[in-house]
Protein backbone atom coordinates (compact mmCIF):
# COMPACT_ATOMS: atom_id res chain seq x y z
CA UNK A 1 66.14 121.28 116.96
CA UNK A 2 67.43 124.88 116.80
CA UNK A 3 66.44 127.17 113.97
CA UNK A 4 66.24 130.82 112.99
CA UNK A 5 64.66 133.09 110.40
CA UNK A 6 66.97 134.51 107.75
CA UNK A 7 64.74 137.55 107.30
CA UNK A 8 64.01 138.77 110.84
CA UNK A 9 66.72 136.67 112.62
CA UNK A 10 64.25 135.33 115.19
CA UNK A 11 65.55 132.13 116.86
CA UNK A 12 63.17 129.26 117.57
CA UNK A 13 62.82 125.51 117.71
CA UNK A 14 61.91 123.54 114.59
CA UNK A 15 59.34 125.28 112.37
CA UNK A 16 58.42 125.36 108.67
CA UNK A 17 57.88 129.15 108.81
CA UNK A 18 59.12 131.88 111.09
CA UNK A 19 56.71 132.21 114.03
CA UNK A 20 57.44 135.96 114.14
CA UNK A 21 57.29 137.19 110.53
CA UNK A 22 55.97 133.99 108.85
CA UNK A 23 58.84 133.96 106.32
CA UNK A 24 59.59 130.54 104.78
CA UNK A 25 63.31 131.40 104.72
CA UNK A 26 64.20 129.46 107.83
CA UNK A 27 67.19 127.27 108.72
CA UNK A 28 66.91 124.32 111.06
CA UNK A 29 69.70 121.91 112.01
CA UNK A 30 70.83 120.18 115.19
CA UNK A 31 74.32 121.68 114.79
CA UNK A 32 73.17 125.04 113.42
CA UNK A 33 74.41 127.12 116.35
CA UNK A 34 77.71 125.29 116.88
CA UNK A 35 79.20 125.40 113.37
CA UNK A 36 81.59 128.30 112.76
CA UNK A 37 83.50 127.88 109.45
CA UNK A 38 81.82 129.75 106.62
CA UNK A 39 82.29 130.63 102.97
CA UNK A 40 80.52 133.70 101.59
CA UNK A 41 80.24 134.06 97.83
CA UNK A 42 78.61 137.10 96.21
CA UNK A 43 75.91 136.34 93.64
CA UNK A 44 76.95 137.15 90.04
CA UNK A 45 79.08 139.87 91.60
CA UNK A 46 80.20 141.92 88.60
CA UNK A 47 76.76 141.82 86.98
CA UNK A 48 75.11 142.69 90.30
CA UNK A 49 77.31 145.76 90.70
CA UNK A 50 76.37 146.84 87.17
CA UNK A 51 72.64 146.43 87.89
CA UNK A 52 72.95 148.29 91.16
CA UNK A 53 74.73 151.22 89.54
CA UNK A 54 72.39 151.32 86.53
CA UNK A 55 68.76 150.62 87.54
CA UNK A 56 67.75 150.45 83.87
CA UNK A 57 69.48 147.06 83.75
CA UNK A 58 67.55 145.62 86.68
CA UNK A 59 65.18 143.33 84.77
CA UNK A 60 67.40 142.71 81.75
CA UNK A 61 69.82 139.88 81.00
CA UNK A 62 73.27 141.37 81.58
CA UNK A 63 76.57 139.99 80.37
CA UNK A 64 79.81 141.51 81.61
CA UNK A 65 82.62 141.00 79.12
CA UNK A 66 84.41 142.12 75.98
CA UNK A 67 83.14 142.89 72.50
CA UNK A 68 81.84 140.47 69.90
CA UNK A 69 85.19 138.65 69.80
CA UNK A 70 85.61 138.59 73.57
CA UNK A 71 84.39 136.24 76.26
CA UNK A 72 81.87 136.37 79.08
CA UNK A 73 83.44 137.52 82.33
CA UNK A 74 80.21 136.87 84.21
CA UNK A 75 76.48 136.92 83.57
CA UNK A 76 73.46 137.74 85.69
CA UNK A 77 71.03 134.99 86.60
CA UNK A 78 68.54 136.04 83.94
CA UNK A 79 71.20 135.45 81.28
CA UNK A 80 72.23 132.19 82.93
CA UNK A 81 68.70 130.85 82.49
CA UNK A 82 69.39 131.06 78.74
CA UNK A 83 72.58 129.00 79.17
CA UNK A 84 75.15 131.83 79.29
CA UNK A 85 78.20 130.93 81.38
CA UNK A 86 81.49 132.54 82.39
CA UNK A 87 84.37 132.17 79.88
CA UNK A 88 81.91 131.43 77.06
CA UNK A 89 82.74 133.16 73.74
CA UNK A 90 80.60 136.25 73.38
CA UNK A 91 79.25 135.24 69.98
CA UNK A 92 77.93 132.01 71.47
CA UNK A 93 76.43 133.83 74.47
CA UNK A 94 74.61 136.23 72.14
CA UNK A 95 73.19 133.33 70.14
CA UNK A 96 71.78 131.87 73.34
CA UNK A 97 70.56 135.24 74.63
CA UNK A 98 70.36 137.78 71.77
CA UNK A 99 68.50 140.31 73.93
CA UNK A 100 71.36 140.49 76.46
CA UNK A 101 72.93 143.83 77.35
CA UNK A 102 76.73 143.71 77.09
CA UNK A 103 78.61 145.75 79.69
CA UNK A 104 82.36 146.31 79.72
CA UNK A 105 84.00 145.30 83.04
CA UNK A 106 84.64 148.10 85.56
CA UNK A 107 87.18 146.54 87.89
CA UNK A 108 87.67 149.70 89.94
CA UNK A 109 83.97 149.60 90.84
CA UNK A 110 84.16 145.91 91.73
CA UNK A 111 87.23 146.49 93.92
CA UNK A 112 85.44 149.29 95.81
CA UNK A 113 82.40 147.10 96.43
CA UNK A 114 84.68 144.27 97.57
CA UNK A 115 86.37 146.53 100.12
CA UNK A 116 82.99 147.60 101.48
CA UNK A 117 81.94 143.96 101.91
CA UNK A 118 85.27 143.13 103.55
CA UNK A 119 84.74 145.93 106.08
CA UNK A 120 81.37 144.42 106.98
CA UNK A 121 83.01 141.02 107.45
CA UNK A 122 85.68 142.51 109.71
CA UNK A 123 82.91 143.69 112.04
CA UNK A 124 82.16 140.00 112.65
CA UNK A 125 85.65 138.47 112.85
CA UNK A 126 89.28 139.26 111.98
CA UNK A 127 89.68 135.67 110.73
CA UNK A 128 88.90 136.30 107.06
CA UNK A 129 90.67 134.58 104.17
CA UNK A 130 89.82 136.28 100.86
CA UNK A 131 89.84 134.06 97.78
CA UNK A 132 88.94 136.78 95.25
CA UNK A 133 87.08 140.08 95.11
CA UNK A 134 83.74 138.35 95.65
CA UNK A 135 84.37 135.43 98.00
CA UNK A 136 86.07 134.65 101.29
CA UNK A 137 86.29 132.14 104.12
CA UNK A 138 85.38 133.29 107.64
CA UNK A 139 86.09 131.64 110.99
CA UNK A 140 83.64 132.81 113.62
CA UNK A 141 84.81 130.46 116.37
CA UNK A 142 84.43 132.07 119.78
CA UNK A 143 82.47 135.09 118.54
CA UNK A 144 79.04 134.16 119.94
CA UNK A 145 79.68 135.80 123.32
CA UNK A 146 81.04 138.95 121.66
CA UNK A 147 78.04 139.39 119.35
CA UNK A 148 75.36 137.88 121.56
CA UNK A 149 74.33 135.52 118.76
CA UNK A 150 75.71 132.32 117.19
CA UNK A 151 77.78 132.49 113.98
CA UNK A 152 74.88 131.35 111.78
CA UNK A 153 72.74 134.32 112.84
CA UNK A 154 75.62 136.77 112.42
CA UNK A 155 76.24 135.49 108.88
CA UNK A 156 72.58 135.99 108.02
CA UNK A 157 72.88 139.49 109.45
CA UNK A 158 75.93 140.06 107.24
CA UNK A 159 74.19 139.21 103.97
CA UNK A 160 71.07 141.13 105.05
CA UNK A 161 73.29 144.15 105.66
CA UNK A 162 74.90 143.74 102.25
CA UNK A 163 71.47 143.81 100.61
CA UNK A 164 70.27 146.76 102.67
CA UNK A 165 73.38 148.97 102.57
CA UNK A 166 75.19 147.93 99.39
CA UNK A 167 72.28 146.46 97.38
CA UNK A 168 74.35 143.36 96.67
CA UNK A 169 73.49 139.78 97.59
CA UNK A 170 75.57 136.82 98.65
CA UNK A 171 75.24 133.14 99.45
CA UNK A 172 76.61 131.51 102.59
CA UNK A 173 77.88 128.01 103.25
CA UNK A 174 78.33 126.97 106.90
CA UNK A 175 80.07 123.81 108.02
CA UNK A 176 82.84 122.39 110.20
CA UNK A 177 85.66 122.87 107.66
CA UNK A 178 86.60 124.94 104.61
CA UNK A 179 86.07 122.20 102.02
CA UNK A 180 82.45 121.66 102.99
CA UNK A 181 81.69 125.33 103.64
CA UNK A 182 82.73 126.23 100.09
CA UNK A 183 80.57 123.45 98.64
CA UNK A 184 77.61 124.54 100.78
CA UNK A 185 77.74 128.15 99.58
CA UNK A 186 77.00 126.99 96.04
CA UNK A 187 74.03 124.74 96.87
CA UNK A 188 71.25 127.32 96.96
CA UNK A 189 72.31 130.33 94.87
CA UNK A 190 71.35 133.12 94.70
CA UNK A 191 70.65 134.47 98.21
CA UNK A 192 71.31 131.04 99.61
CA UNK A 193 72.32 129.78 103.03
CA UNK A 194 73.17 126.09 103.31
CA UNK A 195 74.54 124.01 106.15
CA UNK A 196 76.53 120.76 106.05
CA UNK A 197 76.81 119.46 109.59
CA UNK A 198 79.23 116.88 110.91
CA UNK A 199 76.40 114.38 111.23
CA UNK A 200 75.30 114.93 107.62
CA UNK A 201 78.77 114.96 106.04
CA UNK A 202 78.97 111.29 105.07
CA UNK A 203 75.47 111.09 103.64
CA UNK A 204 75.93 114.35 101.74
CA UNK A 205 79.16 113.26 100.04
CA UNK A 206 77.95 109.81 99.04
CA UNK A 207 76.94 109.68 95.41
CA UNK A 208 78.53 113.03 94.55
CA UNK A 209 80.78 113.21 91.45
CA UNK A 210 84.53 113.52 92.10
CA UNK A 211 84.41 116.84 90.24
CA UNK A 212 82.78 118.29 93.37
CA UNK A 213 86.24 118.26 94.97
CA UNK A 214 88.05 121.53 94.43
CA UNK A 215 91.12 120.98 92.26
CA UNK A 216 89.65 118.06 90.31
CA UNK A 217 89.53 119.51 86.82
CA UNK A 218 88.96 117.85 83.47
CA UNK A 219 92.46 116.35 83.22
CA UNK A 220 92.47 114.80 86.71
CA UNK A 221 88.86 113.69 86.34
CA UNK A 222 89.88 111.79 83.20
CA UNK A 223 92.73 110.09 85.08
CA UNK A 224 90.39 109.16 87.93
CA UNK A 225 87.82 107.72 85.55
CA UNK A 226 90.50 105.53 83.96
CA UNK A 227 91.12 104.18 87.47
CA UNK A 228 87.40 103.45 87.88
CA UNK A 229 86.77 106.51 90.07
CA UNK A 230 83.79 108.58 88.95
CA UNK A 231 82.10 109.33 92.26
CA UNK A 232 83.21 110.00 95.80
CA UNK A 233 81.88 106.54 96.75
CA UNK A 234 84.56 105.06 94.48
CA UNK A 235 87.29 106.91 96.39
CA UNK A 236 86.05 105.39 99.64
CA UNK A 237 87.00 101.94 98.36
CA UNK A 238 90.67 102.87 97.96
CA UNK A 239 93.36 102.76 100.62
CA UNK A 240 95.18 106.06 101.09
CA UNK A 241 98.54 104.47 100.21
CA UNK A 242 97.15 103.16 96.93
CA UNK A 243 95.80 106.58 95.95
CA UNK A 244 99.14 108.20 96.78
CA UNK A 245 100.98 105.61 94.71
CA UNK A 246 98.69 106.31 91.76
CA UNK A 247 98.14 110.08 92.03
CA UNK A 248 100.95 111.38 94.25
CA UNK A 249 100.23 113.98 96.94
CA UNK A 250 96.83 114.64 95.37
CA UNK A 251 95.90 111.04 96.24
CA UNK A 252 96.17 111.78 99.96
CA UNK A 253 94.10 114.92 99.54
CA UNK A 254 91.41 112.98 97.67
CA UNK A 255 91.32 110.28 100.37
CA UNK A 256 90.72 112.82 103.16
CA UNK A 257 88.28 115.06 101.32
CA UNK A 258 86.18 112.07 100.21
CA UNK A 259 85.62 111.53 103.94
CA UNK A 260 84.87 115.19 104.59
CA UNK A 261 88.18 115.73 106.38
CA UNK A 262 89.90 119.09 105.96
CA UNK A 263 92.25 120.46 108.63
CA UNK A 264 93.19 123.68 106.83
CA UNK A 265 92.70 126.78 108.95
CA UNK A 266 91.14 130.01 107.79
CA UNK A 267 94.34 132.00 107.20
CA UNK A 268 93.77 135.75 107.42
CA UNK A 269 97.49 136.52 107.52
CA UNK A 270 98.36 134.48 104.47
CA UNK A 271 100.73 136.60 102.41
CA UNK A 272 99.60 137.25 98.86
CA UNK A 273 102.38 135.77 96.73
CA UNK A 274 100.92 136.47 93.32
CA UNK A 275 98.01 138.09 91.52
CA UNK A 276 96.69 136.33 88.45
CA UNK A 277 93.67 135.88 86.24
CA UNK A 278 92.89 133.14 83.75
CA UNK A 279 90.06 132.12 81.46
CA UNK A 280 89.09 128.73 80.02
CA UNK A 281 87.63 128.68 76.52
CA UNK A 282 84.67 126.59 75.44
CA UNK A 283 86.67 125.46 72.41
CA UNK A 284 90.41 125.29 71.75
CA UNK A 285 91.81 128.48 70.22
CA UNK A 286 94.69 128.92 67.79
CA UNK A 287 93.82 132.41 66.50
CA UNK A 288 96.67 134.60 67.76
CA UNK A 289 94.70 137.80 67.29
CA UNK A 290 91.80 136.46 69.34
CA UNK A 291 94.19 135.25 72.03
CA UNK A 292 95.80 138.69 72.04
CA UNK A 293 92.43 140.27 72.88
CA UNK A 294 92.00 137.87 75.80
CA UNK A 295 95.52 138.60 76.99
CA UNK A 296 94.90 142.34 77.15
CA UNK A 297 91.69 141.92 79.15
CA UNK A 298 93.41 139.55 81.60
CA UNK A 299 96.36 141.95 82.01
CA UNK A 300 93.92 144.80 82.69
CA UNK A 301 92.16 142.73 85.37
CA UNK A 302 95.44 141.74 87.03
CA UNK A 303 96.54 145.39 87.07
CA UNK A 304 93.22 146.48 88.62
CA UNK A 305 93.59 143.90 91.39
CA UNK A 306 97.22 144.86 92.01
CA UNK A 307 96.30 148.55 92.29
CA UNK A 308 93.41 147.75 94.64
CA UNK A 309 95.77 145.74 96.89
CA UNK A 310 98.58 148.28 96.71
CA UNK A 311 100.96 145.70 95.25
CA UNK A 312 103.35 145.56 92.30
CA UNK A 313 105.06 142.50 90.79
CA UNK A 314 108.58 141.98 89.46
CA UNK A 315 107.81 138.77 87.54
CA UNK A 316 105.21 138.41 84.78
CA UNK A 317 103.91 134.89 84.15
CA UNK A 318 101.98 133.58 81.16
CA UNK A 319 100.05 130.33 81.57
CA UNK A 320 98.67 128.25 78.71
CA UNK A 321 96.88 124.91 78.68
CA UNK A 322 97.13 122.93 75.48
CA UNK A 323 94.35 120.86 73.95
CA UNK A 324 95.96 117.75 75.51
CA UNK A 325 95.76 119.46 78.95
CA UNK A 326 99.52 119.97 79.23
CA UNK A 327 100.37 123.22 80.99
CA UNK A 328 102.89 125.64 79.50
CA UNK A 329 104.29 128.35 81.77
CA UNK A 330 106.51 131.21 80.66
CA UNK A 331 108.03 133.80 83.02
CA UNK A 332 109.85 137.07 82.53
CA UNK A 333 111.60 139.14 85.21
CA UNK A 334 111.22 142.93 85.02
CA UNK A 335 113.75 145.60 85.89
CA UNK A 336 111.26 147.13 88.33
CA UNK A 337 107.99 145.96 89.95
CA UNK A 338 104.84 147.02 88.10
CA UNK A 339 101.10 147.28 88.56
CA UNK A 340 100.50 148.71 85.09
CA UNK A 341 98.26 146.90 82.61
CA UNK A 342 100.36 148.24 79.74
CA UNK A 343 103.57 146.73 81.13
CA UNK A 344 101.99 143.40 82.04
CA UNK A 345 100.46 143.08 78.58
CA UNK A 346 103.54 144.16 76.63
CA UNK A 347 105.84 141.85 78.56
CA UNK A 348 103.55 138.82 78.26
CA UNK A 349 102.67 139.38 74.58
CA UNK A 350 106.03 138.10 73.19
CA UNK A 351 105.73 135.06 75.48
CA UNK A 352 102.41 134.26 73.83
CA UNK A 353 103.89 134.70 70.35
CA UNK A 354 106.73 132.30 71.19
CA UNK A 355 104.26 129.68 72.43
CA UNK A 356 101.95 129.77 69.39
CA UNK A 357 103.69 126.77 67.86
CA UNK A 358 102.05 124.70 70.64
CA UNK A 359 98.54 125.99 69.86
CA UNK A 360 95.63 125.38 70.05
CA UNK A 361 95.01 126.36 73.67
CA UNK A 362 92.04 125.76 75.95
CA UNK A 363 93.16 128.12 78.75
CA UNK A 364 95.05 131.40 78.94
CA UNK A 365 96.24 133.12 82.08
CA UNK A 366 98.54 135.94 83.11
CA UNK A 367 99.84 137.05 86.48
CA UNK A 368 102.49 138.89 88.45
CA UNK A 369 104.57 137.58 91.36
CA UNK A 370 107.48 138.55 93.62
CA UNK A 371 105.14 141.19 94.96
CA UNK A 372 106.18 144.28 96.85
CA UNK A 373 104.46 147.38 98.19
CA UNK A 374 103.25 149.62 95.42
CA UNK A 375 105.71 152.39 94.79
CA UNK A 376 107.28 154.41 92.01
CA UNK A 377 105.73 154.59 88.56
CA UNK A 378 105.61 150.86 87.84
CA UNK A 379 108.06 150.97 84.95
CA UNK A 380 111.78 151.29 84.30
CA UNK A 381 113.24 153.56 81.65
CA UNK A 382 113.84 151.64 78.44
CA UNK A 383 115.95 153.16 75.67
CA UNK A 384 114.39 150.67 73.23
CA UNK A 385 110.88 151.86 74.11
CA UNK A 386 110.94 155.64 74.61
CA UNK A 387 107.12 155.74 74.67
CA UNK A 388 106.96 153.60 77.86
CA UNK A 389 107.10 156.64 80.13
CA UNK A 390 104.32 158.38 78.22
CA UNK A 391 102.08 155.30 78.32
CA UNK A 392 102.69 154.84 82.06
CA UNK A 393 101.83 158.47 82.77
CA UNK A 394 98.70 158.14 80.62
CA UNK A 395 97.55 155.06 82.56
CA UNK A 396 98.06 156.84 85.89
CA UNK A 397 96.02 159.80 84.61
CA UNK A 398 93.28 157.40 83.48
CA UNK A 399 93.25 155.83 86.96
CA UNK A 400 92.81 159.26 88.58
CA UNK A 401 90.03 160.24 86.20
CA UNK A 402 88.19 156.96 86.82
CA UNK A 403 88.57 157.39 90.58
CA UNK A 404 87.11 160.91 90.38
CA UNK A 405 84.46 160.62 87.66
CA UNK A 406 83.73 156.90 87.56
CA UNK A 407 85.27 153.89 85.82
CA UNK A 408 83.64 154.71 82.47
CA UNK A 409 85.12 158.22 82.32
CA UNK A 410 88.01 156.98 80.18
CA UNK A 411 88.05 153.82 78.07
CA UNK A 412 91.15 152.57 76.28
CA UNK A 413 90.64 151.66 72.63
CA UNK A 414 92.07 148.17 73.05
CA UNK A 415 89.31 147.40 75.59
CA UNK A 416 86.67 147.84 72.89
CA UNK A 417 87.79 144.81 70.87
C-alpha cells in the first residue's frame, strides 16, 4: 500500500507516521501514485493574504468585507469557529464574533498572490483550469517521469512551497475526475489533502446529500426532494431517461455524477467569456440603498478581476434571484469595452432600480461579457455625462497609486459604506 509524508515527502509503504520525520501527516492509498486529476483550493484566501501582510492580525478573528451595512466577503478560520460565513450580513457576523477585525478587500493584492500561485502550478503542468483567484483544477497525467515523482507528491510539494515562499496555505483534492477532486479538496480544510480513488468512489458517494453535487442549489434541491430524492442513494434508483424527463439535461448530469462519472477534461485553453461576481444574502433584501452598496462592491471586484486578466467587456449584466428563486437577468451593451468599476456600477445601477418592483431579492450579481483585450480608457465620451472622462482618469490614477504604494494607498468613499 503506497504512501508518503506530506511534510518531508518521503515515500514508503503503509505507516501511521512517517518513518523519516515521524510526522502524522501521511497519505496512504492503493491508487495514491496513479491518480492525476487534482483541485487546489486556497484556505480562506483573502483573509490569509491580509494576515500575511499584517502580522498583527495573525491570532485574531479577521473578516474581509464592507462596513456595518455590508456583507462578509470571507472570514478566517478563527472567525468561522464563531459561525461567521461568506455572504453573511456584517451586523450578524459582528453579533456572532464582536471581537473580529474588519478589513476592507484589497483585490489587487489578492490578484498578485493568485498570479504567484499560478506560476508555481505552471512549474508542475501546463494543464491548469482556473476557477477563480484562489482555486484551480490541475491535470498531472504523464508528469511523473518529468518530475521524478508521482502527481500526489508533486502536489504536496506545491502546497509546501506556497507556505514556505508565499506564506499562504491550500487544500488539495486528488481523484480520477474533476467532480470528485473538487469534493475531495473540501474534506479536510485547512491544509488538507484528501484522496477519492476509483475503488472508493461508490462507497464514498453513498449516503451523501444531493447538495454535494455542484450545481444543486436550494431551488433544485427543493425540486429533487419533491421527487423523493434527498441523497445520492435516491438518484441511484432512477433510470437516466426518467431523470431527463423530469429534470431535463440536468437529469443526465445527476445520473452520471451520482455514479462518480465525469468525463470533463481539465481545460487550460478555455476562453474566458465573462467575468462576474455575485453574493447570496442570508435573508431576502428589498432595501434599495443596501442593495446599492452591494452592487458597488461587486462592480469593484469585477473590475479588479478584469484588470488583472487584461480584459474589458462590452456588455454589463445584472443578475437577481427573487425570494421564489426565479432568476432575473438584465443586460446593457456599452459603446466601448470597459474594465472600470465606475462604468460597470453606473451602467448596472439603473437596471437594479428598474427591477426593484420584483424585490425582495436573495441574490445579487454583476458581470461583464463580450470580452476583448484591454485597451483604451475603458469609456466612451458621453455628452450627457461630461464627468465620465474625469472619473475614468481618476480611477486609472488610483490604480497606479495602489500598484506603487499598496492597495490601501487610495480608498474611494463609496467603499467605506
